[in-house]
Amino acid sequence: GGKILESDKQYVCQNHRVQRDQSGH
């Protein structure tokens, strides 16, 4: 039920998160 957002390369849910872990992945 979150908002779908359009960015320059993708369409993604506002609740999608991407982070680097301590090893850089």
mmCIF file of all heavy atoms, coordinates in Angstrom:
data_MODEL
# 
_entry.id   MODEL 
# 
loop_
_atom_site.group_PDB 
_atom_site.id 
_atom_site.type_symbol 
_atom_site.label_atom_id 
_atom_site.label_alt_id 
_atom_site.label_comp_id 
_atom_site.label_asym_id 
_atom_site.label_entity_id 
_atom_site.label_seq_id 
_atom_site.pdbx_PDB_ins_code 
_atom_site.Cartn_x 
_atom_site.Cartn_y 
_atom_site.Cartn_z 
_atom_site.occupancy 
_atom_site.B_iso_or_equiv 
_atom_site.pdbx_formal_charge 
_atom_site.auth_seq_id 
_atom_site.auth_comp_id 
_atom_site.auth_asym_id 
_atom_site.auth_atom_id 
_atom_site.pdbx_PDB_model_num 
ATOM 1   N N   . GLY A 1 1  ? 0.788  -1.229 0.000   1.00 0.00 ? 1  GLY A N   1 
ATOM 2   C CA  . GLY A 1 1  ? 0.000  0.000  0.000   1.00 0.00 ? 1  GLY A CA  1 
ATOM 3   C C   . GLY A 1 1  ? 0.820  1.280  0.000   1.00 0.00 ? 1  GLY A C   1 
ATOM 4   O O   . GLY A 1 1  ? 0.268  2.366  0.065   1.00 0.00 ? 1  GLY A O   1 
ATOM 5   N N   . GLY A 1 2  ? 2.154  1.169  -0.083  1.00 0.00 ? 2  GLY A N   1 
ATOM 6   C CA  . GLY A 1 2  ? 3.012  2.350  -0.150  1.00 0.00 ? 2  GLY A CA  1 
ATOM 7   C C   . GLY A 1 2  ? 2.911  3.012  -1.518  1.00 0.00 ? 2  GLY A C   1 
ATOM 8   O O   . GLY A 1 2  ? 2.274  2.496  -2.440  1.00 0.00 ? 2  GLY A O   1 
ATOM 9   N N   . LYS A 1 3  ? 3.540  4.146  -1.665  1.00 0.00 ? 3  LYS A N   1 
ATOM 10  C CA  . LYS A 1 3  ? 3.537  4.863  -2.941  1.00 0.00 ? 3  LYS A CA  1 
ATOM 11  C C   . LYS A 1 3  ? 4.582  4.242  -3.868  1.00 0.00 ? 3  LYS A C   1 
ATOM 12  O O   . LYS A 1 3  ? 5.690  3.942  -3.442  1.00 0.00 ? 3  LYS A O   1 
ATOM 13  C CB  . LYS A 1 3  ? 3.881  6.329  -2.735  1.00 0.00 ? 3  LYS A CB  1 
ATOM 14  C CG  . LYS A 1 3  ? 2.885  7.077  -1.899  1.00 0.00 ? 3  LYS A CG  1 
ATOM 15  C CD  . LYS A 1 3  ? 3.377  8.489  -1.631  1.00 0.00 ? 3  LYS A CD  1 
ATOM 16  C CE  . LYS A 1 3  ? 2.446  9.205  -0.670  1.00 0.00 ? 3  LYS A CE  1 
ATOM 17  N NZ  . LYS A 1 3  ? 2.983  10.519 -0.298  1.00 0.00 ? 3  LYS A NZ  1 
ATOM 18  N N   . ILE A 1 4  ? 4.219  4.072  -5.151  1.00 0.00 ? 4  ILE A N   1 
ATOM 19  C CA  . ILE A 1 4  ? 5.187  3.658  -6.163  1.00 0.00 ? 4  ILE A CA  1 
ATOM 20  C C   . ILE A 1 4  ? 5.781  4.935  -6.738  1.00 0.00 ? 4  ILE A C   1 
ATOM 21  O O   . ILE A 1 4  ? 5.058  5.823  -7.177  1.00 0.00 ? 4  ILE A O   1 
ATOM 22  C CB  . ILE A 1 4  ? 4.548  2.817  -7.280  1.00 0.00 ? 4  ILE A CB  1 
ATOM 23  C CG1 . ILE A 1 4  ? 3.977  1.514  -6.718  1.00 0.00 ? 4  ILE A CG1 1 
ATOM 24  C CG2 . ILE A 1 4  ? 5.564  2.524  -8.386  1.00 0.00 ? 4  ILE A CG2 1 
ATOM 25  C CD1 . ILE A 1 4  ? 5.009  0.567  -6.151  1.00 0.00 ? 4  ILE A CD1 1 
ATOM 26  N N   . LEU A 1 5  ? 7.109  5.028  -6.711  1.00 0.00 ? 5  LEU A N   1 
ATOM 27  C CA  . LEU A 1 5  ? 7.811  6.218  -7.161  1.00 0.00 ? 5  LEU A CA  1 
ATOM 28  C C   . LEU A 1 5  ? 8.595  5.918  -8.436  1.00 0.00 ? 5  LEU A C   1 
ATOM 29  O O   . LEU A 1 5  ? 9.150  4.831  -8.589  1.00 0.00 ? 5  LEU A O   1 
ATOM 30  C CB  . LEU A 1 5  ? 8.768  6.703  -6.071  1.00 0.00 ? 5  LEU A CB  1 
ATOM 31  C CG  . LEU A 1 5  ? 8.135  6.976  -4.708  1.00 0.00 ? 5  LEU A CG  1 
ATOM 32  C CD1 . LEU A 1 5  ? 9.210  7.301  -3.687  1.00 0.00 ? 5  LEU A CD1 1 
ATOM 33  C CD2 . LEU A 1 5  ? 7.115  8.085  -4.792  1.00 0.00 ? 5  LEU A CD2 1 
ATOM 34  N N   . GLU A 1 6  ? 8.654  6.902  -9.319  1.00 0.00 ? 6  GLU A N   1 
ATOM 35  C CA  . GLU A 1 6  ? 9.446  6.785  -10.540 1.00 0.00 ? 6  GLU A CA  1 
ATOM 36  C C   . GLU A 1 6  ? 10.741 7.545  -10.330 1.00 0.00 ? 6  GLU A C   1 
ATOM 37  O O   . GLU A 1 6  ? 10.733 8.718  -10.000 1.00 0.00 ? 6  GLU A O   1 
ATOM 38  C CB  . GLU A 1 6  ? 8.693  7.388  -11.720 1.00 0.00 ? 6  GLU A CB  1 
ATOM 39  C CG  . GLU A 1 6  ? 9.505  7.369  -12.998 1.00 0.00 ? 6  GLU A CG  1 
ATOM 40  C CD  . GLU A 1 6  ? 8.847  8.132  -14.134 1.00 0.00 ? 6  GLU A CD  1 
ATOM 41  O OE1 . GLU A 1 6  ? 7.982  8.974  -13.879 1.00 0.00 ? 6  GLU A OE1 1 
ATOM 42  O OE2 . GLU A 1 6  ? 9.239  7.877  -15.285 1.00 0.00 ? 6  GLU A OE2 1 
ATOM 43  N N   . SER A 1 7  ? 11.880 6.868  -10.508 1.00 0.00 ? 7  SER A N   1 
ATOM 44  C CA  . SER A 1 7  ? 13.182 7.536  -10.457 1.00 0.00 ? 7  SER A CA  1 
ATOM 45  C C   . SER A 1 7  ? 13.781 7.476  -11.858 1.00 0.00 ? 7  SER A C   1 
ATOM 46  O O   . SER A 1 7  ? 13.113 7.092  -12.809 1.00 0.00 ? 7  SER A O   1 
ATOM 47  C CB  . SER A 1 7  ? 14.089 6.887  -9.414  1.00 0.00 ? 7  SER A CB  1 
ATOM 48  O OG  . SER A 1 7  ? 14.469 5.592  -9.830  1.00 0.00 ? 7  SER A OG  1 
ATOM 49  N N   . ASP A 1 8  ? 15.044 7.815  -11.980 1.00 0.00 ? 8  ASP A N   1 
ATOM 50  C CA  . ASP A 1 8  ? 15.652 7.838  -13.307 1.00 0.00 ? 8  ASP A CA  1 
ATOM 51  C C   . ASP A 1 8  ? 15.824 6.452  -13.923 1.00 0.00 ? 8  ASP A C   1 
ATOM 52  O O   . ASP A 1 8  ? 15.797 6.305  -15.134 1.00 0.00 ? 8  ASP A O   1 
ATOM 53  C CB  . ASP A 1 8  ? 16.987 8.583  -13.283 1.00 0.00 ? 8  ASP A CB  1 
ATOM 54  C CG  . ASP A 1 8  ? 17.977 7.977  -12.316 1.00 0.00 ? 8  ASP A CG  1 
ATOM 55  O OD1 . ASP A 1 8  ? 17.559 7.282  -11.370 1.00 0.00 ? 8  ASP A OD1 1 
ATOM 56  O OD2 . ASP A 1 8  ? 19.181 8.192  -12.493 1.00 0.00 ? 8  ASP A OD2 1 
ATOM 57  N N   . LYS A 1 9  ? 15.965 5.386  -13.111 1.00 0.00 ? 9  LYS A N   1 
ATOM 58  C CA  . LYS A 1 9  ? 16.225 4.059  -13.659 1.00 0.00 ? 9  LYS A CA  1 
ATOM 59  C C   . LYS A 1 9  ? 15.197 3.000  -13.290 1.00 0.00 ? 9  LYS A C   1 
ATOM 60  O O   . LYS A 1 9  ? 15.249 1.892  -13.806 1.00 0.00 ? 9  LYS A O   1 
ATOM 61  C CB  . LYS A 1 9  ? 17.601 3.573  -13.197 1.00 0.00 ? 9  LYS A CB  1 
ATOM 62  C CG  . LYS A 1 9  ? 18.733 4.390  -13.749 1.00 0.00 ? 9  LYS A CG  1 
ATOM 63  C CD  . LYS A 1 9  ? 20.057 3.835  -13.334 1.00 0.00 ? 9  LYS A CD  1 
ATOM 64  C CE  . LYS A 1 9  ? 21.164 4.712  -13.891 1.00 0.00 ? 9  LYS A CE  1 
ATOM 65  N NZ  . LYS A 1 9  ? 22.479 4.253  -13.513 1.00 0.00 ? 9  LYS A NZ  1 
ATOM 66  N N   . GLN A 1 10 ? 14.291 3.321  -12.365 1.00 0.00 ? 10 GLN A N   1 
ATOM 67  C CA  . GLN A 1 10 ? 13.362 2.285  -11.926 1.00 0.00 ? 10 GLN A CA  1 
ATOM 68  C C   . GLN A 1 10 ? 12.069 2.863  -11.362 1.00 0.00 ? 10 GLN A C   1 
ATOM 69  O O   . GLN A 1 10 ? 11.977 4.049  -11.080 1.00 0.00 ? 10 GLN A O   1 
ATOM 70  C CB  . GLN A 1 10 ? 14.031 1.398  -10.871 1.00 0.00 ? 10 GLN A CB  1 
ATOM 71  C CG  . GLN A 1 10 ? 14.399 2.134  -9.597  1.00 0.00 ? 10 GLN A CG  1 
ATOM 72  C CD  . GLN A 1 10 ? 15.174 1.263  -8.635  1.00 0.00 ? 10 GLN A CD  1 
ATOM 73  O OE1 . GLN A 1 10 ? 15.290 0.061  -8.829  1.00 0.00 ? 10 GLN A OE1 1 
ATOM 74  N NE2 . GLN A 1 10 ? 15.686 1.839  -7.582  1.00 0.00 ? 10 GLN A NE2 1 
ATOM 75  N N   . TYR A 1 11 ? 11.093 1.965  -11.200 1.00 0.00 ? 11 TYR A N   1 
ATOM 76  C CA  . TYR A 1 11 ? 9.861  2.242  -10.480 1.00 0.00 ? 11 TYR A CA  1 
ATOM 77  C C   . TYR A 1 11 ? 9.977  1.428  -9.197  1.00 0.00 ? 11 TYR A C   1 
ATOM 78  O O   . TYR A 1 11 ? 10.247 0.225  -9.246  1.00 0.00 ? 11 TYR A O   1 
ATOM 79  C CB  . TYR A 1 11 ? 8.643  1.785  -11.275 1.00 0.00 ? 11 TYR A CB  1 
ATOM 80  C CG  . TYR A 1 11 ? 8.554  2.390  -12.661 1.00 0.00 ? 11 TYR A CG  1 
ATOM 81  C CD1 . TYR A 1 11 ? 8.961  1.679  -13.778 1.00 0.00 ? 11 TYR A CD1 1 
ATOM 82  C CD2 . TYR A 1 11 ? 8.048  3.670  -12.854 1.00 0.00 ? 11 TYR A CD2 1 
ATOM 83  C CE1 . TYR A 1 11 ? 8.865  2.224  -15.049 1.00 0.00 ? 11 TYR A CE1 1 
ATOM 84  C CE2 . TYR A 1 11 ? 7.959  4.228  -14.118 1.00 0.00 ? 11 TYR A CE2 1 
ATOM 85  C CZ  . TYR A 1 11 ? 8.367  3.495  -15.210 1.00 0.00 ? 11 TYR A CZ  1 
ATOM 86  O OH  . TYR A 1 11 ? 8.279  4.043  -16.461 1.00 0.00 ? 11 TYR A OH  1 
ATOM 87  N N   . VAL A 1 12 ? 9.782  2.058  -8.039  1.00 0.00 ? 12 VAL A N   1 
ATOM 88  C CA  . VAL A 1 12 ? 10.066 1.368  -6.782  1.00 0.00 ? 12 VAL A CA  1 
ATOM 89  C C   . VAL A 1 12 ? 9.099  1.823  -5.695  1.00 0.00 ? 12 VAL A C   1 
ATOM 90  O O   . VAL A 1 12 ? 8.649  2.970  -5.685  1.00 0.00 ? 12 VAL A O   1 
ATOM 91  C CB  . VAL A 1 12 ? 11.542 1.613  -6.368  1.00 0.00 ? 12 VAL A CB  1 
ATOM 92  C CG1 . VAL A 1 12 ? 11.796 3.079  -6.080  1.00 0.00 ? 12 VAL A CG1 1 
ATOM 93  C CG2 . VAL A 1 12 ? 11.955 0.754  -5.205  1.00 0.00 ? 12 VAL A CG2 1 
ATOM 94  N N   . CYS A 1 13 ? 8.789  0.923  -4.771  1.00 0.00 ? 13 CYS A N   1 
ATOM 95  C CA  . CYS A 1 13 ? 7.939  1.259  -3.631  1.00 0.00 ? 13 CYS A CA  1 
ATOM 96  C C   . CYS A 1 13 ? 8.723  2.155  -2.671  1.00 0.00 ? 13 CYS A C   1 
ATOM 97  O O   . CYS A 1 13 ? 9.919  1.958  -2.472  1.00 0.00 ? 13 CYS A O   1 
ATOM 98  C CB  . CYS A 1 13 ? 7.496  -0.010 -2.908  1.00 0.00 ? 13 CYS A CB  1 
ATOM 99  S SG  . CYS A 1 13 ? 6.460  0.311  -1.453  1.00 0.00 ? 13 CYS A SG  1 
ATOM 100 N N   . GLN A 1 14 ? 8.030  3.119  -2.087  1.00 0.00 ? 14 GLN A N   1 
ATOM 101 C CA  . GLN A 1 14 ? 8.691  4.029  -1.146  1.00 0.00 ? 14 GLN A CA  1 
ATOM 102 C C   . GLN A 1 14 ? 9.245  3.294  0.070   1.00 0.00 ? 14 GLN A C   1 
ATOM 103 O O   . GLN A 1 14 ? 10.137 3.785  0.755   1.00 0.00 ? 14 GLN A O   1 
ATOM 104 C CB  . GLN A 1 14 ? 7.727  5.117  -0.679  1.00 0.00 ? 14 GLN A CB  1 
ATOM 105 C CG  . GLN A 1 14 ? 6.640  4.610  0.247   1.00 0.00 ? 14 GLN A CG  1 
ATOM 106 C CD  . GLN A 1 14 ? 5.696  5.701  0.707   1.00 0.00 ? 14 GLN A CD  1 
ATOM 107 O OE1 . GLN A 1 14 ? 5.533  6.701  0.043   1.00 0.00 ? 14 GLN A OE1 1 
ATOM 108 N NE2 . GLN A 1 14 ? 5.067  5.477  1.834   1.00 0.00 ? 14 GLN A NE2 1 
ATOM 109 N N   . ASN A 1 15 ? 8.745  2.095  0.361   1.00 0.00 ? 15 ASN A N   1 
ATOM 110 C CA  . ASN A 1 15 ? 9.200  1.333  1.527   1.00 0.00 ? 15 ASN A CA  1 
ATOM 111 C C   . ASN A 1 15 ? 10.335 0.363  1.210   1.00 0.00 ? 15 ASN A C   1 
ATOM 112 O O   . ASN A 1 15 ? 10.738 -0.415 2.059   1.00 0.00 ? 15 ASN A O   1 
ATOM 113 C CB  . ASN A 1 15 ? 8.015  0.579  2.137   1.00 0.00 ? 15 ASN A CB  1 
ATOM 114 C CG  . ASN A 1 15 ? 6.935  1.526  2.590   1.00 0.00 ? 15 ASN A CG  1 
ATOM 115 O OD1 . ASN A 1 15 ? 7.213  2.566  3.172   1.00 0.00 ? 15 ASN A OD1 1 
ATOM 116 N ND2 . ASN A 1 15 ? 5.692  1.194  2.295   1.00 0.00 ? 15 ASN A ND2 1 
ATOM 117 N N   . HIS A 1 16 ? 10.844 0.413  -0.009  1.00 0.00 ? 16 HIS A N   1 
ATOM 118 C CA  . HIS A 1 16 ? 11.997 -0.406 -0.403  1.00 0.00 ? 16 HIS A CA  1 
ATOM 119 C C   . HIS A 1 16 ? 13.268 0.294  0.080   1.00 0.00 ? 16 HIS A C   1 
ATOM 120 O O   . HIS A 1 16 ? 13.445 1.478  -0.139  1.00 0.00 ? 16 HIS A O   1 
ATOM 121 C CB  . HIS A 1 16 ? 12.029 -0.563 -1.923  1.00 0.00 ? 16 HIS A CB  1 
ATOM 122 C CG  . HIS A 1 16 ? 13.154 -1.402 -2.413  1.00 0.00 ? 16 HIS A CG  1 
ATOM 123 N ND1 . HIS A 1 16 ? 13.108 -2.770 -2.404  1.00 0.00 ? 16 HIS A ND1 1 
ATOM 124 C CD2 . HIS A 1 16 ? 14.362 -1.067 -2.911  1.00 0.00 ? 16 HIS A CD2 1 
ATOM 125 C CE1 . HIS A 1 16 ? 14.231 -3.242 -2.882  1.00 0.00 ? 16 HIS A CE1 1 
ATOM 126 N NE2 . HIS A 1 16 ? 15.016 -2.229 -3.202  1.00 0.00 ? 16 HIS A NE2 1 
ATOM 127 N N   . ARG A 1 17 ? 14.130 -0.417 0.753   1.00 0.00 ? 17 ARG A N   1 
ATOM 128 C CA  . ARG A 1 17 ? 15.366 0.159  1.290   1.00 0.00 ? 17 ARG A CA  1 
ATOM 129 C C   . ARG A 1 17 ? 16.569 -0.612 0.773   1.00 0.00 ? 17 ARG A C   1 
ATOM 130 O O   . ARG A 1 17 ? 16.544 -1.827 0.662   1.00 0.00 ? 17 ARG A O   1 
ATOM 131 C CB  . ARG A 1 17 ? 15.386 0.101  2.818   1.00 0.00 ? 17 ARG A CB  1 
ATOM 132 C CG  . ARG A 1 17 ? 14.254 0.839  3.480   1.00 0.00 ? 17 ARG A CG  1 
ATOM 133 C CD  . ARG A 1 17 ? 14.497 2.340  3.419   1.00 0.00 ? 17 ARG A CD  1 
ATOM 134 N NE  . ARG A 1 17 ? 13.432 3.065  4.048   1.00 0.00 ? 17 ARG A NE  1 
ATOM 135 C CZ  . ARG A 1 17 ? 12.434 3.661  3.403   1.00 0.00 ? 17 ARG A CZ  1 
ATOM 136 N NH1 . ARG A 1 17 ? 12.379 3.619  2.107   1.00 0.00 ? 17 ARG A NH1 1 
ATOM 137 N NH2 . ARG A 1 17 ? 11.494 4.302  4.045   1.00 0.00 ? 17 ARG A NH2 1 
ATOM 138 N N   . VAL A 1 18 ? 17.633 0.140  0.484   1.00 0.00 ? 18 VAL A N   1 
ATOM 139 C CA  . VAL A 1 18 ? 18.905 -0.449 0.072   1.00 0.00 ? 18 VAL A CA  1 
ATOM 140 C C   . VAL A 1 18 ? 19.994 0.240  0.876   1.00 0.00 ? 18 VAL A C   1 
ATOM 141 O O   . VAL A 1 18 ? 20.075 1.463  0.906   1.00 0.00 ? 18 VAL A O   1 
ATOM 142 C CB  . VAL A 1 18 ? 19.163 -0.243 -1.440  1.00 0.00 ? 18 VAL A CB  1 
ATOM 143 C CG1 . VAL A 1 18 ? 20.482 -0.850 -1.843  1.00 0.00 ? 18 VAL A CG1 1 
ATOM 144 C CG2 . VAL A 1 18 ? 18.037 -0.836 -2.250  1.00 0.00 ? 18 VAL A CG2 1 
ATOM 145 N N   . GLN A 1 19 ? 20.821 -0.566 1.563   1.00 0.00 ? 19 GLN A N   1 
ATOM 146 C CA  . GLN A 1 19 ? 21.917 -0.026 2.363   1.00 0.00 ? 19 GLN A CA  1 
ATOM 147 C C   . GLN A 1 19 ? 23.136 -0.913 2.201   1.00 0.00 ? 19 GLN A C   1 
ATOM 148 O O   . GLN A 1 19 ? 23.017 -2.096 1.927   1.00 0.00 ? 19 GLN A O   1 
ATOM 149 C CB  . GLN A 1 19 ? 21.550 0.015  3.846   1.00 0.00 ? 19 GLN A CB  1 
ATOM 150 C CG  . GLN A 1 19 ? 20.453 0.983  4.186   1.00 0.00 ? 19 GLN A CG  1 
ATOM 151 C CD  . GLN A 1 19 ? 20.153 0.952  5.675   1.00 0.00 ? 19 GLN A CD  1 
ATOM 152 O OE1 . GLN A 1 19 ? 20.139 -0.098 6.290   1.00 0.00 ? 19 GLN A OE1 1 
ATOM 153 N NE2 . GLN A 1 19 ? 19.913 2.115  6.250   1.00 0.00 ? 19 GLN A NE2 1 
ATOM 154 N N   . ARG A 1 20 ? 24.296 -0.315 2.419   1.00 0.00 ? 20 ARG A N   1 
ATOM 155 C CA  . ARG A 1 20 ? 25.541 -1.097 2.433   1.00 0.00 ? 20 ARG A CA  1 
ATOM 156 C C   . ARG A 1 20 ? 25.747 -1.666 3.834   1.00 0.00 ? 20 ARG A C   1 
ATOM 157 O O   . ARG A 1 20 ? 25.588 -0.971 4.822   1.00 0.00 ? 20 ARG A O   1 
ATOM 158 C CB  . ARG A 1 20 ? 26.741 -0.222 2.081   1.00 0.00 ? 20 ARG A CB  1 
ATOM 159 C CG  . ARG A 1 20 ? 26.877 0.051  0.622   1.00 0.00 ? 20 ARG A CG  1 
ATOM 160 C CD  . ARG A 1 20 ? 28.231 0.709  0.381   1.00 0.00 ? 20 ARG A CD  1 
ATOM 161 N NE  . ARG A 1 20 ? 28.276 1.289  -0.923  1.00 0.00 ? 20 ARG A NE  1 
ATOM 162 C CZ  . ARG A 1 20 ? 28.829 0.688  -1.969  1.00 0.00 ? 20 ARG A CZ  1 
ATOM 163 N NH1 . ARG A 1 20 ? 29.383 -0.484 -1.841  1.00 0.00 ? 20 ARG A NH1 1 
ATOM 164 N NH2 . ARG A 1 20 ? 28.826 1.267  -3.137  1.00 0.00 ? 20 ARG A NH2 1 
ATOM 165 N N   . ASP A 1 21 ? 26.149 -2.945 3.877   1.00 0.00 ? 21 ASP A N   1 
ATOM 166 C CA  . ASP A 1 21 ? 26.497 -3.521 5.175   1.00 0.00 ? 21 ASP A CA  1 
ATOM 167 C C   . ASP A 1 21 ? 27.965 -3.218 5.484   1.00 0.00 ? 21 ASP A C   1 
ATOM 168 O O   . ASP A 1 21 ? 28.634 -2.521 4.726   1.00 0.00 ? 21 ASP A O   1 
ATOM 169 C CB  . ASP A 1 21 ? 26.193 -5.015 5.209   1.00 0.00 ? 21 ASP A CB  1 
ATOM 170 C CG  . ASP A 1 21 ? 26.984 -5.823 4.191   1.00 0.00 ? 21 ASP A CG  1 
ATOM 171 O OD1 . ASP A 1 21 ? 27.976 -5.300 3.639   1.00 0.00 ? 21 ASP A OD1 1 
ATOM 172 O OD2 . ASP A 1 21 ? 26.610 -6.972 3.945   1.00 0.00 ? 21 ASP A OD2 1 
ATOM 173 N N   . GLN A 1 22 ? 28.479 -3.733 6.581   1.00 0.00 ? 22 GLN A N   1 
ATOM 174 C CA  . GLN A 1 22 ? 29.849 -3.418 7.010   1.00 0.00 ? 22 GLN A CA  1 
ATOM 175 C C   . GLN A 1 22 ? 30.899 -3.934 6.039   1.00 0.00 ? 22 GLN A C   1 
ATOM 176 O O   . GLN A 1 22 ? 31.976 -3.380 5.949   1.00 0.00 ? 22 GLN A O   1 
ATOM 177 C CB  . GLN A 1 22 ? 30.098 -3.990 8.404   1.00 0.00 ? 22 GLN A CB  1 
ATOM 178 C CG  . GLN A 1 22 ? 29.278 -3.285 9.459   1.00 0.00 ? 22 GLN A CG  1 
ATOM 179 C CD  . GLN A 1 22 ? 29.453 -3.910 10.824  1.00 0.00 ? 22 GLN A CD  1 
ATOM 180 O OE1 . GLN A 1 22 ? 29.916 -5.034 10.944  1.00 0.00 ? 22 GLN A OE1 1 
ATOM 181 N NE2 . GLN A 1 22 ? 29.062 -3.181 11.856  1.00 0.00 ? 22 GLN A NE2 1 
ATOM 182 N N   . SER A 1 23 ? 30.570 -4.992 5.292   1.00 0.00 ? 23 SER A N   1 
ATOM 183 C CA  . SER A 1 23 ? 31.534 -5.524 4.329   1.00 0.00 ? 23 SER A CA  1 
ATOM 184 C C   . SER A 1 23 ? 31.463 -4.822 2.979   1.00 0.00 ? 23 SER A C   1 
ATOM 185 O O   . SER A 1 23 ? 32.204 -5.161 2.072   1.00 0.00 ? 23 SER A O   1 
ATOM 186 C CB  . SER A 1 23 ? 31.311 -7.029 4.157   1.00 0.00 ? 23 SER A CB  1 
ATOM 187 O OG  . SER A 1 23 ? 30.035 -7.262 3.594   1.00 0.00 ? 23 SER A OG  1 
ATOM 188 N N   . GLY A 1 24 ? 30.543 -3.846 2.829   1.00 0.00 ? 24 GLY A N   1 
ATOM 189 C CA  . GLY A 1 24 ? 30.444 -3.089 1.597   1.00 0.00 ? 24 GLY A CA  1 
ATOM 190 C C   . GLY A 1 24 ? 29.458 -3.638 0.586   1.00 0.00 ? 24 GLY A C   1 
ATOM 191 O O   . GLY A 1 24 ? 29.323 -3.103 -0.505  1.00 0.00 ? 24 GLY A O   1 
ATOM 192 N N   . HIS A 1 25 ? 28.759 -4.719 0.929   1.00 0.00 ? 25 HIS A N   1 
ATOM 193 C CA  . HIS A 1 25 ? 27.774 -5.300 0.028   1.00 0.00 ? 25 HIS A CA  1 
ATOM 194 C C   . HIS A 1 25 ? 26.424 -4.616 0.227   1.00 0.00 ? 25 HIS A C   1 
ATOM 195 O O   . HIS A 1 25 ? 26.082 -4.191 1.316   1.00 0.00 ? 25 HIS A O   1 
ATOM 196 C CB  . HIS A 1 25 ? 27.620 -6.804 0.290   1.00 0.00 ? 25 HIS A CB  1 
ATOM 197 C CG  . HIS A 1 25 ? 28.850 -7.571 -0.019  1.00 0.00 ? 25 HIS A CG  1 
ATOM 198 N ND1 . HIS A 1 25 ? 29.814 -7.856 0.929   1.00 0.00 ? 25 HIS A ND1 1 
ATOM 199 C CD2 . HIS A 1 25 ? 29.301 -8.103 -1.178  1.00 0.00 ? 25 HIS A CD2 1 
ATOM 200 C CE1 . HIS A 1 25 ? 30.783 -8.532 0.380   1.00 0.00 ? 25 HIS A CE1 1 
ATOM 201 N NE2 . HIS A 1 25 ? 30.511 -8.696 -0.901  1.00 0.00 ? 25 HIS A NE2 1 
# 
